């Protein structure tokens, strides 16, 4: 019985230390990646403002080609929602809504993840002319990990994981756009 009490005490102390540590661990997650596409800015913007086009370049879209998709509203306009549901845990269930568009410049979206873990994040795709025939595209992400889940940030580099997925998508976007 004494051994069991000691084991439980050690476990309680470890959990307590982890919970206190989580109070001081960063909760914000940010990732930004970019690529230069050899196409005029307006042509690139006109492509990326449509969420349905992400099917051609987003890494998450390619992770489960059998995922169920649902669309609400008019694509390329504020309020359009692209929802997904996958049986694959790393894709999960959620939706993305266009929240703001600055024509020719930027598309802001809100990501609402429902499964495997509920959370909300923001994302933006911006376009910037490098030359008349080249466009820099940036894909940015901002989210928050709730306490005590933010403790995972000590063991996983979320910025790198998310950023690498964005870079994969941007590289594919470049290929798709430059073939047109």
Protein backbone atom coordinates (compact mmCIF):
# COMPACT_ATOMS: atom_id res chain seq x y z
CA UNK A 1 0.00 0.00 0.00
CA UNK A 2 2.90 2.37 0.80
CA UNK A 3 4.42 1.78 -2.62
CA UNK A 4 1.12 2.55 -4.32
CA UNK A 5 0.79 5.80 -2.33
CA UNK A 6 4.32 6.82 -3.30
CA UNK A 7 3.69 6.05 -6.95
CA UNK A 8 0.47 8.09 -6.87
CA UNK A 9 2.29 10.95 -5.10
CA UNK A 10 5.06 10.94 -7.73
CA UNK A 11 2.47 10.96 -10.53
CA UNK A 12 0.58 13.83 -8.85
CA UNK A 13 3.81 15.84 -8.47
CA UNK A 14 4.73 15.27 -12.12
CA UNK A 15 1.25 16.34 -13.28
CA UNK A 16 1.42 19.38 -10.99
CA UNK A 17 4.81 20.42 -12.35
CA UNK A 18 3.53 20.00 -15.93
CA UNK A 19 0.44 22.11 -15.23
CA UNK A 20 2.52 24.87 -13.62
CA UNK A 21 5.01 24.76 -16.52
CA UNK A 22 2.14 25.10 -19.01
CA UNK A 23 1.30 28.47 -17.44
CA UNK A 24 4.61 29.80 -18.81
CA UNK A 25 4.71 28.07 -22.19
CA UNK A 26 3.81 30.08 -25.29
CA UNK A 27 0.20 29.68 -26.37
CA UNK A 28 0.38 31.46 -29.75
CA UNK A 29 1.31 29.60 -32.92
CA UNK A 30 2.37 31.54 -35.99
CA UNK A 31 3.65 30.36 -39.34
CA UNK A 32 4.36 32.28 -42.54
CA UNK A 33 5.71 30.86 -45.77
CA UNK A 34 6.09 32.36 -49.24
CA UNK A 35 6.81 31.51 -52.84
CA UNK A 36 7.30 33.53 -56.01
CA UNK A 37 5.08 32.53 -58.92
CA UNK A 38 5.93 33.54 -62.47
CA UNK A 39 2.50 34.97 -63.24
CA UNK A 40 1.01 38.49 -62.94
CA UNK A 41 -0.35 39.42 -59.51
CA UNK A 42 -4.00 39.78 -60.56
CA UNK A 43 -4.00 36.35 -62.20
CA UNK A 44 -2.56 34.74 -59.06
CA UNK A 45 -4.93 36.62 -56.76
CA UNK A 46 -7.93 35.65 -58.90
CA UNK A 47 -6.95 32.02 -58.39
CA UNK A 48 -6.16 32.00 -54.65
CA UNK A 49 -9.26 33.94 -53.59
CA UNK A 50 -11.41 30.90 -54.46
CA UNK A 51 -11.27 28.36 -51.63
CA UNK A 52 -12.36 25.55 -53.94
CA UNK A 53 -9.05 26.01 -55.80
CA UNK A 54 -7.23 24.84 -52.66
CA UNK A 55 -8.23 21.34 -53.75
CA UNK A 56 -5.48 21.65 -56.37
CA UNK A 57 -2.67 22.76 -54.04
CA UNK A 58 -3.39 22.42 -50.32
CA UNK A 59 -1.45 19.63 -48.62
CA UNK A 60 -4.43 18.82 -46.40
CA UNK A 61 -6.66 18.28 -49.43
CA UNK A 62 -4.26 15.66 -50.77
CA UNK A 63 -4.06 13.81 -47.44
CA UNK A 64 -7.55 12.37 -47.93
CA UNK A 65 -8.96 12.52 -51.46
CA UNK A 66 -12.09 10.74 -50.14
CA UNK A 67 -12.96 13.42 -47.59
CA UNK A 68 -16.50 14.72 -47.63
CA UNK A 69 -16.72 18.37 -48.77
CA UNK A 70 -19.54 20.87 -48.40
CA UNK A 71 -19.71 24.46 -49.63
CA UNK A 72 -21.98 27.29 -48.49
CA UNK A 73 -22.27 30.66 -50.19
CA UNK A 74 -20.51 32.12 -53.22
CA UNK A 75 -16.85 31.16 -53.52
CA UNK A 76 -14.43 34.06 -53.70
CA UNK A 77 -16.68 36.30 -51.57
CA UNK A 78 -16.85 37.15 -47.86
CA UNK A 79 -18.95 34.60 -46.00
CA UNK A 80 -18.17 31.63 -48.26
CA UNK A 81 -17.57 28.46 -46.22
CA UNK A 82 -15.69 25.36 -47.27
CA UNK A 83 -16.31 22.48 -44.84
CA UNK A 84 -14.60 19.11 -44.70
CA UNK A 85 -14.98 15.83 -42.87
CA UNK A 86 -12.45 13.02 -42.99
CA UNK A 87 -12.19 9.67 -41.30
CA UNK A 88 -8.42 10.29 -41.10
CA UNK A 89 -7.45 11.73 -37.73
CA UNK A 90 -4.75 14.03 -39.12
CA UNK A 91 -7.33 15.70 -41.41
CA UNK A 92 -10.34 15.62 -39.09
CA UNK A 93 -13.42 17.77 -39.44
CA UNK A 94 -13.79 21.53 -39.74
CA UNK A 95 -14.51 24.48 -41.93
CA UNK A 96 -12.86 27.54 -43.42
CA UNK A 97 -14.72 30.81 -43.94
CA UNK A 98 -13.65 33.83 -45.97
CA UNK A 99 -13.79 36.72 -43.48
CA UNK A 100 -12.27 39.58 -45.48
CA UNK A 101 -11.00 40.27 -48.98
CA UNK A 102 -8.84 43.18 -50.03
CA UNK A 103 -9.25 42.86 -53.79
CA UNK A 104 -6.01 42.03 -55.55
CA UNK A 105 -4.08 41.94 -52.26
CA UNK A 106 -5.32 39.63 -49.51
CA UNK A 107 -7.82 36.95 -48.47
CA UNK A 108 -8.37 36.42 -44.71
CA UNK A 109 -10.03 33.24 -43.51
CA UNK A 110 -11.09 31.75 -40.23
CA UNK A 111 -10.39 28.08 -39.68
CA UNK A 112 -12.69 26.25 -37.31
CA UNK A 113 -11.36 22.83 -36.41
CA UNK A 114 -14.01 20.57 -34.90
CA UNK A 115 -12.22 17.19 -34.78
CA UNK A 116 -9.91 15.74 -33.59
CA UNK A 117 -9.55 18.79 -31.33
CA UNK A 118 -11.75 21.87 -31.29
CA UNK A 119 -9.98 25.17 -31.99
CA UNK A 120 -10.15 28.30 -34.11
CA UNK A 121 -7.34 29.93 -36.05
CA UNK A 122 -6.88 32.60 -38.69
CA UNK A 123 -5.15 32.36 -42.02
CA UNK A 124 -4.31 34.82 -44.78
CA UNK A 125 -3.01 34.57 -48.31
CA UNK A 126 -1.44 37.75 -49.68
CA UNK A 127 -0.16 38.59 -53.14
CA UNK A 128 2.51 41.16 -53.97
CA UNK A 129 4.01 42.08 -57.34
CA UNK A 130 7.71 41.37 -57.66
CA UNK A 131 7.76 42.27 -61.37
CA UNK A 132 4.87 42.65 -63.83
CA UNK A 133 5.09 38.89 -64.47
CA UNK A 134 6.06 37.58 -61.02
CA UNK A 135 4.08 37.51 -57.78
CA UNK A 136 5.14 36.79 -54.22
CA UNK A 137 2.46 34.78 -52.41
CA UNK A 138 2.53 34.58 -48.61
CA UNK A 139 0.44 32.14 -46.62
CA UNK A 140 0.18 32.99 -42.93
CA UNK A 141 -1.42 31.21 -39.98
CA UNK A 142 -2.16 32.32 -36.43
CA UNK A 143 -3.68 30.15 -33.75
CA UNK A 144 -3.69 29.62 -30.01
CA UNK A 145 -3.22 26.43 -28.09
CA UNK A 146 -5.40 26.36 -25.01
CA UNK A 147 -3.96 25.66 -21.58
CA UNK A 148 -2.75 22.99 -20.78
CA UNK A 149 -2.49 21.70 -24.37
CA UNK A 150 0.09 24.42 -25.04
CA UNK A 151 2.52 22.19 -23.15
CA UNK A 152 2.81 20.15 -26.38
CA UNK A 153 4.75 23.12 -27.76
CA UNK A 154 7.72 22.00 -25.67
CA UNK A 155 7.81 18.70 -27.53
CA UNK A 156 6.53 19.61 -30.99
CA UNK A 157 7.57 22.50 -33.22
CA UNK A 158 4.10 23.52 -34.38
CA UNK A 159 5.42 26.48 -36.41
CA UNK A 160 7.65 24.15 -38.39
CA UNK A 161 4.94 21.52 -38.86
CA UNK A 162 2.30 23.98 -40.03
CA UNK A 163 4.83 26.05 -41.97
CA UNK A 164 6.16 23.00 -43.80
CA UNK A 165 2.60 22.06 -44.81
CA UNK A 166 2.03 25.62 -46.08
CA UNK A 167 5.29 25.50 -48.03
CA UNK A 168 4.26 22.21 -49.62
CA UNK A 169 0.98 23.84 -50.65
CA UNK A 170 2.69 26.97 -51.97
CA UNK A 171 5.17 24.94 -53.99
CA UNK A 172 2.27 23.00 -55.50
CA UNK A 173 0.40 26.28 -56.14
CA UNK A 174 3.44 27.55 -58.05
CA UNK A 175 3.46 24.41 -60.19
CA UNK A 176 -0.28 24.60 -60.85
CA UNK A 177 -0.21 28.32 -61.71
CA UNK A 178 2.85 28.17 -63.93
CA UNK A 179 1.36 25.31 -65.98
CA UNK A 180 -1.67 27.46 -66.89
